[in-house]
Amino acid sequence: MQIWEHLFLTGEFREREDLLSGLTLEQVTMRPDGVPHSIYDELWHAATWQRIVVERDQAARDALLDGGEDYPRTPPEHEQQWHDVVRLFLDGARAAAAWARSGKSLLDEERPGVTGADTLSSLAVHNAYHLGKIVALRQRIGAWPPKAAAGEA
């Protein structure tokens, strides 16, 4: 088992591609009472931060931390926008796992006191948090488990 693929794509809970499958535009934009973010919002946020971390985009990181948009301002108008965010997230997760396999020592410091392994571990935890919120939202709106996997035990 490759630990980074396990953490970013396949392990500990449902595979990420399956977890994000089978949703309509209506479902991903629902905000049940008392819930601040939709499924789309949660994945957009996770995909955005994942891209910033994996690409080491310090300017985008600083902009978000200085009051930038941490969640989308408007919901998607077309289902393709949802599929684009799913693709962005999954591509970023694959890129994170590839970074770990790249041969560059994960013990090298990315910034003072923070190694590459620290950065990737933090990103995996951040993703798991938001994916958990997505599962909870799917359960709340009656869209869990994904239809493709509904027959699984």
N, C-alpha and C. Protein backbone atom coordinates (compact mmCIF):
# COMPACT_ATOMS: atom_id res chain seq x y z
N MET A 1 0.85 -1.19 0.00
CA MET A 1 0.00 0.00 0.00
C MET A 1 0.89 1.24 0.00
N GLN A 2 0.55 2.17 -0.84
CA GLN A 2 1.21 3.47 -0.85
C GLN A 2 0.44 4.38 0.11
N ILE A 3 1.08 4.82 1.17
CA ILE A 3 0.38 5.57 2.21
C ILE A 3 -0.23 6.86 1.69
N TRP A 4 0.44 7.54 0.76
CA TRP A 4 -0.10 8.83 0.30
C TRP A 4 -1.32 8.64 -0.59
N GLU A 5 -1.33 7.61 -1.46
CA GLU A 5 -2.54 7.32 -2.23
C GLU A 5 -3.67 6.94 -1.28
N HIS A 6 -3.31 6.18 -0.26
CA HIS A 6 -4.28 5.77 0.75
C HIS A 6 -4.91 7.00 1.41
N LEU A 7 -4.06 7.95 1.81
CA LEU A 7 -4.57 9.14 2.51
C LEU A 7 -5.33 10.09 1.60
N PHE A 8 -4.90 10.23 0.35
CA PHE A 8 -5.52 11.22 -0.53
C PHE A 8 -6.61 10.67 -1.44
N LEU A 9 -6.60 9.37 -1.74
CA LEU A 9 -7.51 8.88 -2.78
C LEU A 9 -8.35 7.67 -2.41
N THR A 10 -7.81 6.74 -1.65
CA THR A 10 -8.51 5.45 -1.54
C THR A 10 -8.81 4.96 -0.14
N GLY A 11 -8.10 5.40 0.87
CA GLY A 11 -8.18 4.71 2.15
C GLY A 11 -8.92 5.41 3.26
N GLU A 12 -9.03 4.67 4.36
CA GLU A 12 -9.67 5.07 5.62
C GLU A 12 -11.18 5.20 5.51
N PHE A 13 -11.67 5.62 4.37
CA PHE A 13 -13.10 5.69 4.12
C PHE A 13 -13.30 5.54 2.62
N ARG A 14 -14.49 5.72 2.14
CA ARG A 14 -14.82 5.48 0.74
C ARG A 14 -13.85 6.20 -0.20
N GLU A 15 -13.51 5.53 -1.32
CA GLU A 15 -12.65 6.17 -2.32
C GLU A 15 -13.25 7.50 -2.71
N ARG A 16 -12.37 8.50 -2.88
CA ARG A 16 -12.84 9.87 -3.09
C ARG A 16 -13.69 10.03 -4.35
N GLU A 17 -13.28 9.36 -5.42
CA GLU A 17 -14.06 9.46 -6.66
C GLU A 17 -15.48 8.94 -6.46
N ASP A 18 -15.61 7.83 -5.75
CA ASP A 18 -16.93 7.26 -5.47
C ASP A 18 -17.71 8.15 -4.51
N LEU A 19 -17.05 8.66 -3.50
CA LEU A 19 -17.69 9.53 -2.50
C LEU A 19 -18.34 10.75 -3.16
N LEU A 20 -17.73 11.24 -4.24
CA LEU A 20 -18.21 12.45 -4.91
C LEU A 20 -19.10 12.15 -6.11
N SER A 21 -19.40 10.89 -6.35
CA SER A 21 -20.16 10.52 -7.55
C SER A 21 -21.66 10.55 -7.34
N GLY A 22 -22.38 10.56 -8.46
CA GLY A 22 -23.83 10.39 -8.45
C GLY A 22 -24.64 11.56 -7.93
N LEU A 23 -24.09 12.74 -7.95
CA LEU A 23 -24.80 13.92 -7.44
C LEU A 23 -25.26 14.83 -8.58
N THR A 24 -26.44 15.40 -8.39
CA THR A 24 -26.98 16.35 -9.37
C THR A 24 -26.64 17.77 -8.95
N LEU A 25 -26.83 18.70 -9.87
CA LEU A 25 -26.63 20.12 -9.56
C LEU A 25 -27.53 20.54 -8.40
N GLU A 26 -28.77 20.08 -8.42
CA GLU A 26 -29.69 20.43 -7.33
C GLU A 26 -29.15 19.94 -5.98
N GLN A 27 -28.65 18.73 -5.94
CA GLN A 27 -28.15 18.18 -4.68
C GLN A 27 -26.91 18.91 -4.18
N VAL A 28 -25.98 19.22 -5.09
CA VAL A 28 -24.73 19.83 -4.63
C VAL A 28 -24.89 21.29 -4.24
N THR A 29 -26.02 21.89 -4.58
CA THR A 29 -26.25 23.29 -4.20
C THR A 29 -27.23 23.44 -3.04
N MET A 30 -27.79 22.34 -2.55
CA MET A 30 -28.71 22.41 -1.41
C MET A 30 -27.98 22.87 -0.15
N ARG A 31 -28.68 23.69 0.64
CA ARG A 31 -28.17 24.08 1.96
C ARG A 31 -29.30 23.82 2.96
N PRO A 32 -29.30 22.65 3.57
CA PRO A 32 -30.34 22.38 4.57
C PRO A 32 -30.31 23.45 5.66
N ASP A 33 -31.45 23.62 6.32
CA ASP A 33 -31.54 24.61 7.40
C ASP A 33 -30.39 24.45 8.39
N GLY A 34 -29.78 25.57 8.73
CA GLY A 34 -28.71 25.58 9.71
C GLY A 34 -27.34 25.20 9.19
N VAL A 35 -27.24 24.92 7.90
CA VAL A 35 -25.96 24.51 7.32
C VAL A 35 -25.40 25.67 6.50
N PRO A 36 -24.19 26.13 6.81
CA PRO A 36 -23.65 27.31 6.14
C PRO A 36 -23.15 27.07 4.72
N HIS A 37 -22.79 25.82 4.40
CA HIS A 37 -22.20 25.56 3.09
C HIS A 37 -22.84 24.34 2.43
N SER A 38 -22.92 24.39 1.12
CA SER A 38 -23.43 23.27 0.33
C SER A 38 -22.30 22.27 0.06
N ILE A 39 -22.65 21.15 -0.53
CA ILE A 39 -21.65 20.17 -0.95
C ILE A 39 -20.68 20.82 -1.93
N TYR A 40 -21.20 21.57 -2.87
CA TYR A 40 -20.34 22.27 -3.84
C TYR A 40 -19.37 23.20 -3.11
N ASP A 41 -19.89 23.98 -2.17
CA ASP A 41 -19.03 24.91 -1.42
C ASP A 41 -17.89 24.18 -0.71
N GLU A 42 -18.23 23.08 -0.05
CA GLU A 42 -17.22 22.32 0.70
C GLU A 42 -16.13 21.79 -0.22
N LEU A 43 -16.53 21.23 -1.37
CA LEU A 43 -15.52 20.67 -2.26
C LEU A 43 -14.72 21.78 -2.93
N TRP A 44 -15.37 22.87 -3.29
CA TRP A 44 -14.67 24.01 -3.90
C TRP A 44 -13.58 24.50 -2.94
N HIS A 45 -13.94 24.65 -1.67
CA HIS A 45 -12.98 25.10 -0.65
C HIS A 45 -11.80 24.12 -0.56
N ALA A 46 -12.11 22.82 -0.44
CA ALA A 46 -11.05 21.82 -0.30
C ALA A 46 -10.16 21.78 -1.54
N ALA A 47 -10.77 21.84 -2.72
CA ALA A 47 -10.00 21.81 -3.97
C ALA A 47 -9.13 23.04 -4.11
N THR A 48 -9.65 24.20 -3.71
CA THR A 48 -8.89 25.44 -3.80
C THR A 48 -7.66 25.39 -2.91
N TRP A 49 -7.86 25.01 -1.65
CA TRP A 49 -6.72 24.93 -0.74
C TRP A 49 -5.74 23.84 -1.15
N GLN A 50 -6.27 22.73 -1.63
CA GLN A 50 -5.38 21.66 -2.08
C GLN A 50 -4.50 22.14 -3.24
N ARG A 51 -5.08 22.87 -4.19
CA ARG A 51 -4.30 23.40 -5.31
C ARG A 51 -3.22 24.34 -4.80
N ILE A 52 -3.59 25.22 -3.88
CA ILE A 52 -2.62 26.18 -3.33
C ILE A 52 -1.45 25.45 -2.67
N VAL A 53 -1.76 24.43 -1.89
CA VAL A 53 -0.71 23.70 -1.17
C VAL A 53 0.16 22.90 -2.15
N VAL A 54 -0.47 22.15 -3.04
CA VAL A 54 0.29 21.28 -3.95
C VAL A 54 1.14 22.10 -4.91
N GLU A 55 0.60 23.21 -5.39
CA GLU A 55 1.36 24.05 -6.32
C GLU A 55 2.28 25.02 -5.59
N ARG A 56 2.20 25.00 -4.25
CA ARG A 56 3.01 25.90 -3.42
C ARG A 56 2.83 27.35 -3.86
N ASP A 57 1.57 27.72 -4.03
CA ASP A 57 1.20 29.05 -4.54
C ASP A 57 1.09 30.02 -3.36
N GLN A 58 2.20 30.58 -2.98
CA GLN A 58 2.26 31.46 -1.81
C GLN A 58 1.40 32.70 -1.99
N ALA A 59 1.35 33.26 -3.19
CA ALA A 59 0.56 34.47 -3.43
C ALA A 59 -0.93 34.19 -3.21
N ALA A 60 -1.43 33.07 -3.73
CA ALA A 60 -2.84 32.72 -3.53
C ALA A 60 -3.12 32.42 -2.07
N ARG A 61 -2.19 31.75 -1.40
CA ARG A 61 -2.34 31.46 0.04
C ARG A 61 -2.45 32.75 0.83
N ASP A 62 -1.54 33.68 0.56
CA ASP A 62 -1.56 34.95 1.27
C ASP A 62 -2.84 35.72 0.99
N ALA A 63 -3.31 35.70 -0.26
CA ALA A 63 -4.54 36.41 -0.61
C ALA A 63 -5.74 35.85 0.15
N LEU A 64 -5.84 34.53 0.24
CA LEU A 64 -6.95 33.93 0.98
C LEU A 64 -6.85 34.23 2.47
N LEU A 65 -5.66 34.14 3.01
CA LEU A 65 -5.48 34.41 4.43
C LEU A 65 -5.69 35.88 4.78
N ASP A 66 -5.55 36.75 3.79
CA ASP A 66 -5.75 38.19 4.00
C ASP A 66 -7.17 38.63 3.64
N GLY A 67 -8.13 37.72 3.71
CA GLY A 67 -9.52 38.08 3.49
C GLY A 67 -10.08 37.73 2.13
N GLY A 68 -9.38 36.89 1.38
CA GLY A 68 -9.89 36.46 0.08
C GLY A 68 -11.08 35.53 0.23
N GLU A 69 -11.58 35.09 -0.89
CA GLU A 69 -12.76 34.21 -0.90
C GLU A 69 -12.36 32.78 -0.53
N ASP A 70 -12.78 32.35 0.64
CA ASP A 70 -12.48 31.01 1.12
C ASP A 70 -13.52 29.99 0.64
N TYR A 71 -14.67 30.49 0.24
CA TYR A 71 -15.75 29.68 -0.32
C TYR A 71 -16.29 30.45 -1.52
N PRO A 72 -16.94 29.76 -2.45
CA PRO A 72 -17.45 30.47 -3.63
C PRO A 72 -18.54 31.47 -3.25
N ARG A 73 -18.60 32.55 -4.00
CA ARG A 73 -19.62 33.57 -3.74
C ARG A 73 -21.00 33.16 -4.25
N THR A 74 -21.01 32.45 -5.36
CA THR A 74 -22.28 32.06 -5.98
C THR A 74 -22.27 30.56 -6.26
N PRO A 75 -23.45 29.96 -6.26
CA PRO A 75 -23.52 28.53 -6.58
C PRO A 75 -23.30 28.32 -8.08
N PRO A 76 -22.94 27.12 -8.46
CA PRO A 76 -22.77 26.84 -9.88
C PRO A 76 -24.12 26.91 -10.59
N GLU A 77 -24.08 27.32 -11.85
CA GLU A 77 -25.31 27.40 -12.65
C GLU A 77 -25.51 26.17 -13.51
N HIS A 78 -24.43 25.45 -13.75
CA HIS A 78 -24.48 24.29 -14.63
C HIS A 78 -23.81 23.10 -13.96
N GLU A 79 -24.34 21.91 -14.20
CA GLU A 79 -23.78 20.71 -13.58
C GLU A 79 -22.31 20.51 -13.95
N GLN A 80 -21.92 20.97 -15.14
CA GLN A 80 -20.52 20.83 -15.56
C GLN A 80 -19.57 21.53 -14.58
N GLN A 81 -20.03 22.62 -13.96
CA GLN A 81 -19.19 23.31 -12.97
C GLN A 81 -18.90 22.40 -11.78
N TRP A 82 -19.88 21.61 -11.38
CA TRP A 82 -19.66 20.64 -10.31
C TRP A 82 -18.63 19.60 -10.75
N HIS A 83 -18.82 19.07 -11.95
CA HIS A 83 -17.88 18.05 -12.45
C HIS A 83 -16.46 18.62 -12.57
N ASP A 84 -16.36 19.89 -12.93
CA ASP A 84 -15.04 20.53 -13.02
C ASP A 84 -14.36 20.61 -11.66
N VAL A 85 -15.13 20.92 -10.62
CA VAL A 85 -14.56 21.00 -9.26
C VAL A 85 -14.17 19.60 -8.78
N VAL A 86 -14.98 18.60 -9.09
CA VAL A 86 -14.62 17.22 -8.74
C VAL A 86 -13.30 16.85 -9.41
N ARG A 87 -13.19 17.14 -10.70
CA ARG A 87 -11.96 16.83 -11.43
C ARG A 87 -10.76 17.58 -10.83
N LEU A 88 -10.95 18.86 -10.52
CA LEU A 88 -9.88 19.65 -9.91
C LEU A 88 -9.43 19.03 -8.58
N PHE A 89 -10.41 18.62 -7.77
CA PHE A 89 -10.08 18.00 -6.49
C PHE A 89 -9.32 16.69 -6.67
N LEU A 90 -9.84 15.80 -7.53
CA LEU A 90 -9.20 14.50 -7.73
C LEU A 90 -7.82 14.65 -8.37
N ASP A 91 -7.69 15.55 -9.34
CA ASP A 91 -6.38 15.79 -9.94
C ASP A 91 -5.40 16.32 -8.89
N GLY A 92 -5.87 17.19 -8.02
CA GLY A 92 -5.02 17.72 -6.96
C GLY A 92 -4.61 16.65 -5.97
N ALA A 93 -5.53 15.74 -5.66
CA ALA A 93 -5.21 14.64 -4.74
C ALA A 93 -4.15 13.73 -5.37
N ARG A 94 -4.30 13.46 -6.67
CA ARG A 94 -3.28 12.67 -7.36
C ARG A 94 -1.93 13.39 -7.36
N ALA A 95 -1.97 14.70 -7.56
CA ALA A 95 -0.73 15.50 -7.56
C ALA A 95 -0.08 15.49 -6.18
N ALA A 96 -0.89 15.52 -5.12
CA ALA A 96 -0.34 15.46 -3.76
C ALA A 96 0.37 14.13 -3.54
N ALA A 97 -0.26 13.04 -3.98
CA ALA A 97 0.36 11.72 -3.84
C ALA A 97 1.63 11.64 -4.69
N ALA A 98 1.61 12.22 -5.88
CA ALA A 98 2.79 12.22 -6.75
C ALA A 98 3.93 13.02 -6.12
N TRP A 99 3.59 14.13 -5.48
CA TRP A 99 4.60 14.93 -4.79
C TRP A 99 5.33 14.05 -3.76
N ALA A 100 4.55 13.27 -3.04
CA ALA A 100 5.15 12.41 -2.01
C ALA A 100 6.06 11.34 -2.62
N ARG A 101 5.74 10.90 -3.84
CA ARG A 101 6.55 9.88 -4.51
C ARG A 101 7.69 10.46 -5.34
N SER A 102 7.79 11.76 -5.40
CA SER A 102 8.69 12.42 -6.36
C SER A 102 10.17 12.20 -6.12
N GLY A 103 10.52 11.66 -4.99
CA GLY A 103 11.93 11.46 -4.70
C GLY A 103 12.53 12.59 -3.88
N LYS A 104 11.86 13.74 -3.84
CA LYS A 104 12.32 14.83 -2.99
C LYS A 104 12.04 14.43 -1.55
N SER A 105 13.00 14.59 -0.71
CA SER A 105 12.84 14.17 0.68
C SER A 105 11.69 14.90 1.34
N LEU A 106 10.79 14.14 1.91
CA LEU A 106 9.68 14.75 2.65
C LEU A 106 10.14 15.33 3.98
N LEU A 107 11.39 15.08 4.32
CA LEU A 107 11.93 15.64 5.56
C LEU A 107 12.54 17.02 5.34
N ASP A 108 12.66 17.43 4.07
CA ASP A 108 13.15 18.78 3.79
C ASP A 108 12.12 19.80 4.26
N GLU A 109 12.60 20.91 4.78
CA GLU A 109 11.68 21.95 5.25
C GLU A 109 11.12 22.74 4.07
N GLU A 110 9.79 22.86 4.06
CA GLU A 110 9.10 23.69 3.08
C GLU A 110 9.19 25.15 3.50
N ARG A 111 9.08 25.35 4.79
CA ARG A 111 9.27 26.65 5.43
C ARG A 111 9.80 26.33 6.83
N PRO A 112 10.30 27.30 7.55
CA PRO A 112 10.93 27.00 8.84
C PRO A 112 10.06 26.14 9.76
N GLY A 113 10.58 24.99 10.14
CA GLY A 113 9.90 24.11 11.08
C GLY A 113 8.81 23.24 10.49
N VAL A 114 8.58 23.32 9.17
CA VAL A 114 7.51 22.55 8.53
C VAL A 114 8.10 21.77 7.35
N THR A 115 8.04 20.45 7.45
CA THR A 115 8.57 19.60 6.38
C THR A 115 7.51 19.35 5.31
N GLY A 116 7.95 18.79 4.20
CA GLY A 116 7.00 18.38 3.16
C GLY A 116 6.00 17.37 3.69
N ALA A 117 6.46 16.44 4.51
CA ALA A 117 5.56 15.45 5.10
C ALA A 117 4.54 16.12 6.01
N ASP A 118 4.96 17.13 6.77
CA ASP A 118 4.02 17.88 7.61
C ASP A 118 2.94 18.53 6.75
N THR A 119 3.37 19.15 5.67
CA THR A 119 2.44 19.85 4.78
C THR A 119 1.44 18.88 4.17
N LEU A 120 1.92 17.75 3.67
CA LEU A 120 1.01 16.76 3.07
C LEU A 120 0.08 16.15 4.11
N SER A 121 0.59 15.88 5.30
CA SER A 121 -0.27 15.33 6.36
C SER A 121 -1.37 16.31 6.74
N SER A 122 -1.02 17.57 6.87
CA SER A 122 -2.01 18.59 7.19
C SER A 122 -3.07 18.69 6.09
N LEU A 123 -2.63 18.64 4.84
CA LEU A 123 -3.57 18.69 3.72
C LEU A 123 -4.50 17.48 3.73
N ALA A 124 -3.98 16.30 4.01
CA ALA A 124 -4.82 15.09 4.06
C ALA A 124 -5.87 15.21 5.16
N VAL A 125 -5.50 15.77 6.30
CA VAL A 125 -6.46 15.97 7.40
C VAL A 125 -7.51 17.00 6.99
N HIS A 126 -7.08 18.09 6.38
CA HIS A 126 -8.01 19.12 5.91
C HIS A 126 -9.01 18.53 4.92
N ASN A 127 -8.52 17.75 3.97
CA ASN A 127 -9.41 17.11 3.00
C ASN A 127 -10.39 16.18 3.70
N ALA A 128 -9.90 15.36 4.63
CA ALA A 128 -10.78 14.41 5.33
C ALA A 128 -11.89 15.14 6.08
N TYR A 129 -11.57 16.26 6.69
CA TYR A 129 -12.57 17.06 7.40
C TYR A 129 -13.68 17.50 6.44
N HIS A 130 -13.31 18.07 5.30
CA HIS A 130 -14.33 18.56 4.37
C HIS A 130 -15.06 17.42 3.66
N LEU A 131 -14.38 16.33 3.38
CA LEU A 131 -15.07 15.18 2.80
C LEU A 131 -16.06 14.59 3.80
N GLY A 132 -15.72 14.60 5.07
CA GLY A 132 -16.67 14.16 6.10
C GLY A 132 -17.91 15.04 6.13
N LYS A 133 -17.71 16.34 5.97
CA LYS A 133 -18.86 17.24 5.92
C LYS A 133 -19.71 16.95 4.68
N ILE A 134 -19.07 16.61 3.57
CA ILE A 134 -19.81 16.27 2.35
C ILE A 134 -20.63 15.01 2.57
N VAL A 135 -20.06 13.99 3.21
CA VAL A 135 -20.81 12.77 3.50
C VAL A 135 -22.00 13.10 4.40
N ALA A 136 -21.79 13.91 5.43
CA ALA A 136 -22.88 14.28 6.34
C ALA A 136 -23.99 15.01 5.58
N LEU A 137 -23.62 15.90 4.68
CA LEU A 137 -24.62 16.60 3.86
C LEU A 137 -25.35 15.62 2.95
N ARG A 138 -24.63 14.71 2.35
CA ARG A 138 -25.27 13.70 1.49
C ARG A 138 -26.27 12.88 2.30
N GLN A 139 -25.90 12.50 3.51
CA GLN A 139 -26.81 11.75 4.36
C GLN A 139 -28.05 12.58 4.68
N ARG A 140 -27.84 13.83 4.99
CA ARG A 140 -28.95 14.71 5.38
C ARG A 140 -29.95 14.92 4.25
N ILE A 141 -29.46 14.96 3.00
CA ILE A 141 -30.37 15.19 1.87
C ILE A 141 -30.82 13.89 1.21
N GLY A 142 -30.46 12.76 1.79
CA GLY A 142 -30.90 11.46 1.27
C GLY A 142 -30.13 11.01 0.03
N ALA A 143 -28.89 11.45 -0.12
CA ALA A 143 -28.09 11.10 -1.29
C ALA A 143 -26.88 10.23 -0.90
N TRP A 144 -27.05 9.42 0.14
CA TRP A 144 -25.97 8.54 0.59
C TRP A 144 -26.52 7.16 0.84
N PRO A 145 -25.84 6.12 0.44
CA PRO A 145 -24.56 6.11 -0.27
C PRO A 145 -24.74 6.45 -1.74
N PRO A 146 -23.62 6.69 -2.44
CA PRO A 146 -23.72 6.95 -3.88
C PRO A 146 -24.47 5.81 -4.56
N LYS A 147 -25.30 6.14 -5.54
CA LYS A 147 -26.13 5.13 -6.21
C LYS A 147 -25.31 3.98 -6.78
N ALA A 148 -24.15 4.27 -7.34
CA ALA A 148 -23.32 3.23 -7.94
C ALA A 148 -22.89 2.20 -6.91
N ALA A 149 -22.85 2.59 -5.65
CA ALA A 149 -22.37 1.70 -4.60
C ALA A 149 -23.47 1.31 -3.62
N ALA A 150 -24.72 1.64 -3.93
CA ALA A 150 -25.81 1.42 -2.99
C ALA A 150 -25.98 -0.05 -2.63
N GLY A 151 -25.59 -0.96 -3.51
CA GLY A 151 -25.75 -2.38 -3.24
C GLY A 151 -24.66 -2.97 -2.37
N GLU A 152 -23.63 -2.18 -2.06
CA GLU A 152 -22.54 -2.69 -1.23
C GLU A 152 -22.99 -2.90 0.21
N ALA A 153 -22.39 -3.85 0.86
CA ALA A 153 -22.71 -4.10 2.27
C ALA A 153 -21.98 -3.14 3.17
